[in-house]
Amino acid sequence: MGSILAIMSISPVIPLYLDQRGLPPVHVGGVIGAMSLALIVTEVLALGVTSRVGRRVAVIIGLTGSAVMFAWFPLTVSLAGLYVTRLALGAVRGMLWPVTFAEVAEVSPLDQRAGQFSIFWLYFGVGQLLGPLIGGFLGEQFSLRAPFFAAALASLVMVPAAAIVRPVRDDSPNPLRSYAALLSRAPSVRRMFLVTVMNTVAYGILTTFLPLHAAANGLSTAEIGLIFTGGGVAFIVVQAVLHRIADRITADRLLIPAYVIRGLGISLVPLLTSFPALFIVTFLGSLGGAAIPNGLSMRISARSPREHLVAAMGGFNAAADLGFFLGPVAGGILAGWGVKWAFAIAPLVTLLAVIWLADDR
């Protein structure tokens, strides 16, 4: 919750901050996507790190390094410095997610895993809710730099919580060999990684270009923060419901309709210009698509051998961050013809995800 709160507190303002500094859309998307590029590498190699220093130390590195990079970003004066700072932020944050996902999966018996992941994503949703609310308020009341320092503080506050992570060291110091073994023993996991990429390409488009589209139509920073907060509320509500019905309907059974609803909602954004319309569409899109991360994490963990769970969760998060890199970068290129064109990617990736899911037994 604390980790996602920190990164989401800058989500309403970072496109506006970069635009304020005079960066063209291609560099707005590039700088934002740079973090995800570094995350991909670190998350793939996380197994090698945890096998040497242990899971708890890896999480401490991720939190303290995040605090430093969050605070350094608004102090950077050059374009190259912005890219380097975001790359460094991604490199240290890549320690967090494979470990936390693997911890949740390992302590949950298979028949209880759906409910446990619902709780996990519920707390994740609380961070998604509070982060944009805090960031939008600070950006409106103080400056567009303020949320970055708040994110740094949130990361530091979470360091003592690393004590709940077990200090165990994973067995495989060679992550690439572990991935090869995972994909040979569970080939359907590869398809789920591709489906994950499609989800975050679409979501990366939304989080990067909705603020620019909204600001161009006269919405304030606080209103943009509230739009994302509404999406966070919808996400929390669905996770609470999924937890209660986990013994009857699991999230992975809802993946196809969830992708369709999410894709439709994002595709409608460039057609809307008012705060109420953007708020409602984002809320409903989040409500319909909230089962996606839960369903994917459940399906991947259920199909992965226990000894490869860190690799599987690292691959899941790396796939997600590959989408978070490709979405803003591709959207930034298309936005050169106008911000609305960035959203044209959403229907395409939604269609690909639905095809792969329909083919997954």
Protein backbone atom coordinates (compact mmCIF):
# COMPACT_ATOMS: atom_id res chain seq x y z
CA MET A 1 0.00 0.00 0.00
CA GLY A 2 2.75 2.43 0.93
CA SER A 3 4.80 1.65 -2.16
CA ILE A 4 1.94 2.20 -4.58
CA LEU A 5 0.80 5.31 -2.66
CA ALA A 6 4.22 6.84 -3.22
CA ILE A 7 4.36 6.25 -6.96
CA MET A 8 0.69 7.16 -7.50
CA SER A 9 1.06 10.46 -5.66
CA ILE A 10 3.15 11.74 -8.57
CA SER A 11 0.94 10.24 -11.32
CA PRO A 12 -1.45 13.23 -11.67
CA VAL A 13 1.38 15.75 -11.80
CA ILE A 14 4.41 14.28 -13.57
CA PRO A 15 3.01 14.79 -17.12
CA LEU A 16 2.02 18.34 -16.14
CA TYR A 17 5.40 18.99 -14.52
CA LEU A 18 7.29 17.83 -17.61
CA ASP A 19 4.95 19.82 -19.87
CA GLN A 20 5.52 22.88 -17.65
CA ARG A 21 9.26 22.47 -18.23
CA GLY A 22 8.66 22.64 -21.99
CA LEU A 23 9.21 19.00 -22.94
CA PRO A 24 7.44 17.84 -26.14
CA PRO A 25 5.02 14.89 -25.87
CA VAL A 26 7.60 12.38 -27.12
CA HIS A 27 9.91 13.22 -24.19
CA VAL A 28 7.02 13.36 -21.71
CA GLY A 29 6.23 9.77 -22.65
CA GLY A 30 9.91 8.85 -22.80
CA VAL A 31 10.82 10.17 -19.36
CA ILE A 32 7.76 8.57 -17.76
CA GLY A 33 8.39 5.27 -19.54
CA ALA A 34 12.09 5.20 -18.63
CA MET A 35 11.31 4.03 -15.10
CA SER A 36 9.44 1.03 -16.45
CA LEU A 37 12.34 0.15 -18.75
CA ALA A 38 14.67 -0.11 -15.75
CA LEU A 39 12.02 -1.94 -13.71
CA ILE A 40 11.87 -4.66 -16.36
CA VAL A 41 15.57 -5.44 -16.00
CA THR A 42 15.61 -5.32 -12.20
CA GLU A 43 12.47 -7.41 -11.79
CA VAL A 44 13.83 -10.10 -14.10
CA LEU A 45 17.08 -10.15 -12.09
CA ALA A 46 15.40 -9.84 -8.67
CA LEU A 47 15.85 -13.56 -8.03
CA GLY A 48 19.61 -13.14 -8.29
CA VAL A 49 19.51 -10.30 -5.76
CA THR A 50 17.32 -12.13 -3.23
CA SER A 51 19.51 -15.22 -3.48
CA ARG A 52 22.48 -13.12 -2.31
CA VAL A 53 21.11 -10.57 0.18
CA GLY A 54 17.72 -12.05 1.09
CA ARG A 55 14.21 -10.78 0.50
CA ARG A 56 14.06 -8.34 3.42
CA VAL A 57 17.25 -6.51 2.44
CA ALA A 58 16.05 -6.33 -1.18
CA VAL A 59 12.86 -4.57 -0.04
CA ILE A 60 14.83 -2.14 2.16
CA ILE A 61 17.04 -1.28 -0.84
CA GLY A 62 13.93 -0.71 -2.94
CA LEU A 63 12.29 1.64 -0.42
CA THR A 64 15.33 3.73 0.52
CA GLY A 65 16.51 4.01 -3.07
CA SER A 66 13.02 5.10 -4.13
CA ALA A 67 13.03 7.86 -1.51
CA VAL A 68 16.32 9.26 -2.83
CA MET A 69 15.25 9.18 -6.48
CA PHE A 70 11.79 10.69 -5.83
CA ALA A 71 13.40 13.64 -4.04
CA TRP A 72 16.13 14.07 -6.65
CA PHE A 73 13.82 14.18 -9.69
CA PRO A 74 12.43 17.74 -9.26
CA LEU A 75 15.95 19.00 -8.48
CA THR A 76 17.29 17.76 -11.83
CA VAL A 77 17.91 20.52 -14.38
CA SER A 78 18.78 18.69 -17.63
CA LEU A 79 16.76 16.41 -19.89
CA ALA A 80 19.43 13.72 -19.59
CA GLY A 81 19.24 14.02 -15.82
CA LEU A 82 15.47 13.45 -15.89
CA TYR A 83 15.95 10.25 -17.87
CA VAL A 84 18.77 9.02 -15.61
CA THR A 85 16.81 9.73 -12.43
CA ARG A 86 13.78 7.84 -13.70
CA LEU A 87 15.97 4.92 -14.79
CA ALA A 88 17.57 4.81 -11.33
CA LEU A 89 14.13 4.94 -9.68
CA GLY A 90 13.01 1.96 -11.73
CA ALA A 91 16.20 0.04 -10.94
CA VAL A 92 15.65 0.22 -7.17
CA ARG A 93 11.86 -0.17 -7.22
CA GLY A 94 12.27 -3.39 -9.17
CA MET A 95 13.31 -5.05 -5.90
CA LEU A 96 9.88 -4.55 -4.33
CA TRP A 97 7.21 -6.27 -6.39
CA PRO A 98 8.60 -9.75 -7.14
CA VAL A 99 9.30 -10.22 -3.43
CA THR A 100 5.94 -8.99 -2.17
CA PHE A 101 3.98 -11.01 -4.72
CA ALA A 102 5.99 -14.14 -3.97
CA GLU A 103 5.47 -13.67 -0.22
CA VAL A 104 1.70 -13.51 -0.67
CA ALA A 105 1.65 -16.54 -2.98
CA GLU A 106 3.89 -18.69 -0.75
CA VAL A 107 1.92 -18.19 2.47
CA SER A 108 -1.41 -18.96 0.75
CA PRO A 109 -2.63 -22.53 0.18
CA LEU A 110 -3.78 -22.89 -3.42
CA ASP A 111 -7.46 -23.08 -2.44
CA GLN A 112 -7.13 -19.80 -0.47
CA ARG A 113 -4.89 -17.91 -2.89
CA ALA A 114 -7.75 -16.12 -4.69
CA GLY A 115 -8.93 -14.61 -1.41
CA GLN A 116 -5.42 -13.68 -0.31
CA PHE A 117 -4.65 -11.93 -3.58
CA SER A 118 -7.95 -10.07 -3.28
CA ILE A 119 -6.77 -8.70 0.07
CA PHE A 120 -3.38 -7.87 -1.42
CA TRP A 121 -4.97 -5.96 -4.30
CA LEU A 122 -7.40 -4.31 -1.89
CA TYR A 123 -4.48 -2.68 -0.04
CA PHE A 124 -2.88 -1.92 -3.40
CA GLY A 125 -6.13 -0.13 -4.29
CA VAL A 126 -6.03 1.92 -1.10
CA GLY A 127 -2.62 3.20 -2.22
CA GLN A 128 -4.06 3.93 -5.67
CA LEU A 129 -6.86 5.86 -4.00
CA LEU A 130 -4.80 7.96 -1.58
CA GLY A 131 -1.81 8.61 -3.84
CA PRO A 132 -3.50 10.70 -6.57
CA LEU A 133 -5.64 12.46 -3.97
CA ILE A 134 -2.54 13.55 -2.04
CA GLY A 135 -0.55 14.36 -5.18
CA GLY A 136 -3.33 16.37 -6.78
CA PHE A 137 -3.90 18.36 -3.59
CA LEU A 138 -0.20 19.14 -3.09
CA GLY A 139 0.25 20.06 -6.75
CA GLU A 140 -2.72 22.42 -6.60
CA GLN A 141 -1.98 24.03 -3.20
CA PHE A 142 1.83 24.24 -3.30
CA SER A 143 3.62 23.35 -6.54
CA LEU A 144 4.01 20.56 -9.07
CA ARG A 145 7.27 19.63 -7.30
CA ALA A 146 5.67 19.02 -3.90
CA PRO A 147 4.23 15.54 -4.66
CA PHE A 148 7.72 14.22 -5.46
CA PHE A 149 8.97 15.11 -1.99
CA ALA A 150 5.81 13.60 -0.48
CA ALA A 151 6.52 10.38 -2.37
CA ALA A 152 10.06 10.35 -0.97
CA LEU A 153 8.72 10.74 2.56
CA ALA A 154 6.15 7.98 2.06
CA SER A 155 8.91 5.60 0.90
CA LEU A 156 11.06 6.37 3.96
CA VAL A 157 8.13 5.88 6.33
CA MET A 158 7.60 2.39 4.90
CA VAL A 159 11.17 1.17 5.55
CA PRO A 160 10.38 -0.23 9.05
CA ALA A 161 7.54 -2.24 7.50
CA ALA A 162 10.18 -4.30 5.67
CA ALA A 163 10.49 -6.24 8.94
CA ILE A 164 7.38 -8.23 7.94
CA VAL A 165 9.25 -9.63 4.91
CA ARG A 166 11.08 -12.87 5.70
CA PRO A 167 14.87 -12.64 5.42
CA VAL A 168 15.03 -15.87 3.41
CA ARG A 169 17.38 -16.21 0.46
CA ASP A 170 16.04 -17.77 -2.71
CA ASP A 171 17.78 -20.81 -4.12
CA SER A 172 18.66 -19.77 -7.66
CA PRO A 173 21.45 -17.20 -8.19
CA ASN A 174 20.91 -17.55 -11.96
CA PRO A 175 17.58 -15.86 -12.80
CA LEU A 176 17.72 -16.57 -16.54
CA ARG A 177 18.05 -20.31 -15.95
CA SER A 178 15.10 -20.17 -13.57
CA TYR A 179 12.98 -18.38 -16.20
CA ALA A 180 13.88 -20.97 -18.81
CA ALA A 181 12.82 -23.75 -16.45
CA LEU A 182 9.59 -21.92 -15.57
CA LEU A 183 8.52 -21.36 -19.17
CA SER A 184 9.38 -24.93 -20.20
CA ARG A 185 7.35 -26.40 -17.31
CA ALA A 186 4.47 -23.89 -17.55
CA PRO A 187 4.24 -22.65 -21.17
CA SER A 188 0.84 -21.00 -20.59
CA VAL A 189 2.58 -18.53 -18.26
CA ARG A 190 4.21 -16.96 -21.33
CA ARG A 191 0.79 -16.18 -22.78
CA MET A 192 -0.27 -14.56 -19.50
CA PHE A 193 2.85 -12.40 -19.58
CA LEU A 194 1.79 -11.12 -23.02
CA VAL A 195 -1.75 -10.45 -21.77
CA THR A 196 -0.22 -8.51 -18.86
CA VAL A 197 1.75 -6.32 -21.29
CA MET A 198 -1.45 -5.44 -23.14
CA ASN A 199 -3.14 -4.37 -19.90
CA THR A 200 -0.42 -1.97 -18.84
CA VAL A 201 0.10 -0.52 -22.31
CA ALA A 202 -3.51 0.65 -22.11
CA TYR A 203 -3.24 1.79 -18.49
CA GLY A 204 0.06 3.57 -19.18
CA ILE A 205 -1.67 5.51 -21.96
CA LEU A 206 -4.41 6.52 -19.53
CA THR A 207 -2.14 7.69 -16.70
CA THR A 208 0.24 9.57 -19.00
CA PHE A 209 -2.10 11.31 -21.41
CA LEU A 210 -5.36 11.77 -19.51
CA PRO A 211 -3.73 14.56 -17.40
CA LEU A 212 -2.53 16.33 -20.55
CA HIS A 213 -5.91 15.94 -22.26
CA ALA A 214 -7.77 17.13 -19.16
CA ALA A 215 -5.47 20.11 -18.57
CA ALA A 216 -5.82 21.16 -22.21
CA ASN A 217 -9.58 21.27 -21.61
CA GLY A 218 -9.29 23.50 -18.56
CA LEU A 219 -9.34 21.00 -15.67
CA SER A 220 -7.27 21.82 -12.58
CA THR A 221 -4.56 19.64 -11.03
CA ALA A 222 -6.90 18.85 -8.12
CA GLU A 223 -9.66 17.74 -10.50
CA ILE A 224 -7.22 15.48 -12.35
CA GLY A 225 -6.20 13.97 -9.01
CA LEU A 226 -9.86 13.35 -8.18
CA ILE A 227 -10.38 11.53 -11.48
CA PHE A 228 -7.65 9.05 -10.57
CA THR A 229 -8.95 8.87 -7.01
CA GLY A 230 -12.35 7.84 -8.33
CA GLY A 231 -10.67 5.04 -10.23
CA GLY A 232 -8.95 3.98 -7.01
CA VAL A 233 -12.29 3.84 -5.18
CA ALA A 234 -13.75 1.61 -7.89
CA PHE A 235 -10.71 -0.68 -7.70
CA ILE A 236 -11.05 -1.06 -3.91
CA VAL A 237 -14.77 -1.83 -4.09
CA VAL A 238 -14.21 -4.62 -6.61
CA GLN A 239 -11.36 -6.19 -4.60
CA ALA A 240 -13.57 -6.25 -1.50
CA VAL A 241 -16.33 -7.98 -3.50
CA LEU A 242 -13.88 -10.46 -5.08
CA HIS A 243 -12.59 -11.39 -1.63
CA ARG A 244 -16.12 -12.20 -0.45
CA ILE A 245 -17.04 -14.30 -3.49
CA ALA A 246 -13.63 -15.96 -3.98
CA ASP A 247 -15.01 -19.39 -3.09
CA ARG A 248 -17.64 -19.10 -5.85
CA ILE A 249 -16.26 -16.81 -8.58
CA THR A 250 -12.54 -16.17 -8.93
CA ALA A 251 -11.05 -13.12 -10.61
CA ASP A 252 -9.40 -15.08 -13.42
CA ARG A 253 -12.85 -16.08 -14.72
CA LEU A 254 -13.67 -12.39 -15.25
CA LEU A 255 -10.61 -11.47 -17.32
CA ILE A 256 -12.20 -11.22 -20.78
CA PRO A 257 -15.11 -8.93 -19.83
CA ALA A 258 -12.74 -6.92 -17.63
CA TYR A 259 -10.41 -6.26 -20.59
CA VAL A 260 -13.29 -5.26 -22.84
CA ILE A 261 -14.70 -2.78 -20.30
CA ARG A 262 -11.27 -1.28 -19.50
CA GLY A 263 -10.40 -0.90 -23.18
CA LEU A 264 -13.73 0.73 -24.01
CA GLY A 265 -13.38 3.21 -21.16
CA ILE A 266 -9.89 4.32 -22.20
CA SER A 267 -10.94 4.60 -25.85
CA LEU A 268 -13.70 7.04 -24.90
CA VAL A 269 -11.42 9.47 -23.01
CA PRO A 270 -10.39 11.69 -25.98
CA LEU A 271 -14.07 12.22 -26.83
CA LEU A 272 -14.79 13.75 -23.41
CA THR A 273 -13.83 17.22 -22.17
CA SER A 274 -15.65 17.88 -18.88
CA PHE A 275 -14.71 16.82 -15.36
CA PRO A 276 -17.95 14.85 -14.70
CA ALA A 277 -17.66 12.91 -17.97
CA LEU A 278 -13.99 12.03 -17.48
CA PHE A 279 -14.61 11.12 -13.84
CA ILE A 280 -17.53 8.80 -14.66
CA VAL A 281 -15.79 7.02 -17.54
CA THR A 282 -12.59 6.52 -15.56
CA PHE A 283 -14.58 5.27 -12.56
CA LEU A 284 -16.60 2.79 -14.63
CA GLY A 285 -13.52 1.65 -16.55
CA SER A 286 -11.69 0.98 -13.29
CA LEU A 287 -14.75 -0.76 -11.86
CA GLY A 288 -15.01 -3.08 -14.84
CA GLY A 289 -11.28 -3.68 -15.21
CA ALA A 290 -10.37 -4.10 -11.54
CA ALA A 291 -10.33 -7.90 -11.77
CA ILE A 292 -7.43 -7.85 -14.28
CA PRO A 293 -4.34 -7.67 -12.00
CA ASN A 294 -5.92 -10.01 -9.45
CA GLY A 295 -6.92 -12.54 -12.11
CA LEU A 296 -3.55 -12.47 -13.84
CA SER A 297 -1.49 -12.77 -10.65
CA MET A 298 -3.70 -15.64 -9.50
CA ARG A 299 -3.50 -17.50 -12.82
CA ILE A 300 0.28 -17.09 -13.13
CA SER A 301 1.01 -18.11 -9.52
CA ALA A 302 -1.33 -21.11 -9.75
CA ARG A 303 0.43 -22.42 -12.87
CA SER A 304 3.99 -21.84 -11.64
CA PRO A 305 5.98 -24.43 -9.66
CA ARG A 306 6.63 -23.27 -6.10
CA GLU A 307 10.42 -23.12 -6.58
CA HIS A 308 9.91 -20.67 -9.43
CA LEU A 309 7.42 -18.31 -7.76
CA VAL A 310 9.85 -15.39 -7.42
CA ALA A 311 10.79 -15.79 -11.09
CA ALA A 312 7.12 -16.01 -12.06
CA MET A 313 6.18 -12.91 -10.07
CA GLY A 314 9.26 -11.11 -11.34
CA GLY A 315 8.23 -11.97 -14.89
CA PHE A 316 4.66 -10.84 -14.20
CA ASN A 317 5.86 -7.47 -12.92
CA ALA A 318 8.47 -7.13 -15.67
CA ALA A 319 5.74 -7.78 -18.26
CA ALA A 320 3.58 -5.14 -16.58
CA ASP A 321 6.41 -2.63 -16.66
CA LEU A 322 7.21 -3.43 -20.27
CA GLY A 323 3.67 -2.27 -21.00
CA PHE A 324 4.13 0.81 -18.82
CA PHE A 325 7.21 1.60 -20.94
CA LEU A 326 5.73 0.87 -24.36
CA GLY A 327 2.42 2.64 -23.70
CA PRO A 328 3.78 6.11 -22.86
CA VAL A 329 6.53 5.91 -25.49
CA ALA A 330 4.23 4.82 -28.33
CA GLY A 331 1.56 7.21 -27.10
CA GLY A 332 4.08 10.04 -27.02
CA ILE A 333 4.96 9.42 -30.65
CA LEU A 334 1.31 9.43 -31.70
CA ALA A 335 0.61 12.47 -29.51
CA GLY A 336 2.87 14.46 -31.82
CA TRP A 337 -0.23 14.70 -34.04
CA GLY A 338 -2.38 15.61 -31.04
CA VAL A 339 -2.83 14.13 -27.56
CA LYS A 340 -6.07 12.39 -28.52
CA TRP A 341 -4.21 10.09 -30.94
CA ALA A 342 -2.33 8.45 -28.06
CA PHE A 343 -5.57 6.78 -26.98
CA ALA A 344 -5.94 5.03 -30.35
CA ILE A 345 -3.65 2.28 -29.05
CA ALA A 346 -6.20 1.10 -26.46
CA PRO A 347 -8.61 -0.76 -28.82
CA LEU A 348 -5.74 -2.60 -30.51
CA VAL A 349 -4.11 -3.94 -27.34
CA THR A 350 -7.53 -4.83 -25.91
CA LEU A 351 -8.33 -6.93 -28.98
CA LEU A 352 -4.99 -8.78 -28.74
CA ALA A 353 -5.51 -9.50 -25.03
CA VAL A 354 -9.00 -10.89 -25.62
CA ILE A 355 -7.74 -13.16 -28.43
CA TRP A 356 -4.94 -14.58 -26.23
CA LEU A 357 -7.28 -15.05 -23.26
CA ALA A 358 -9.88 -16.81 -25.40
CA ASP A 359 -7.13 -19.19 -26.58
CA ASP A 360 -5.96 -19.92 -23.02
CA ARG A 361 -7.41 -23.17 -21.67
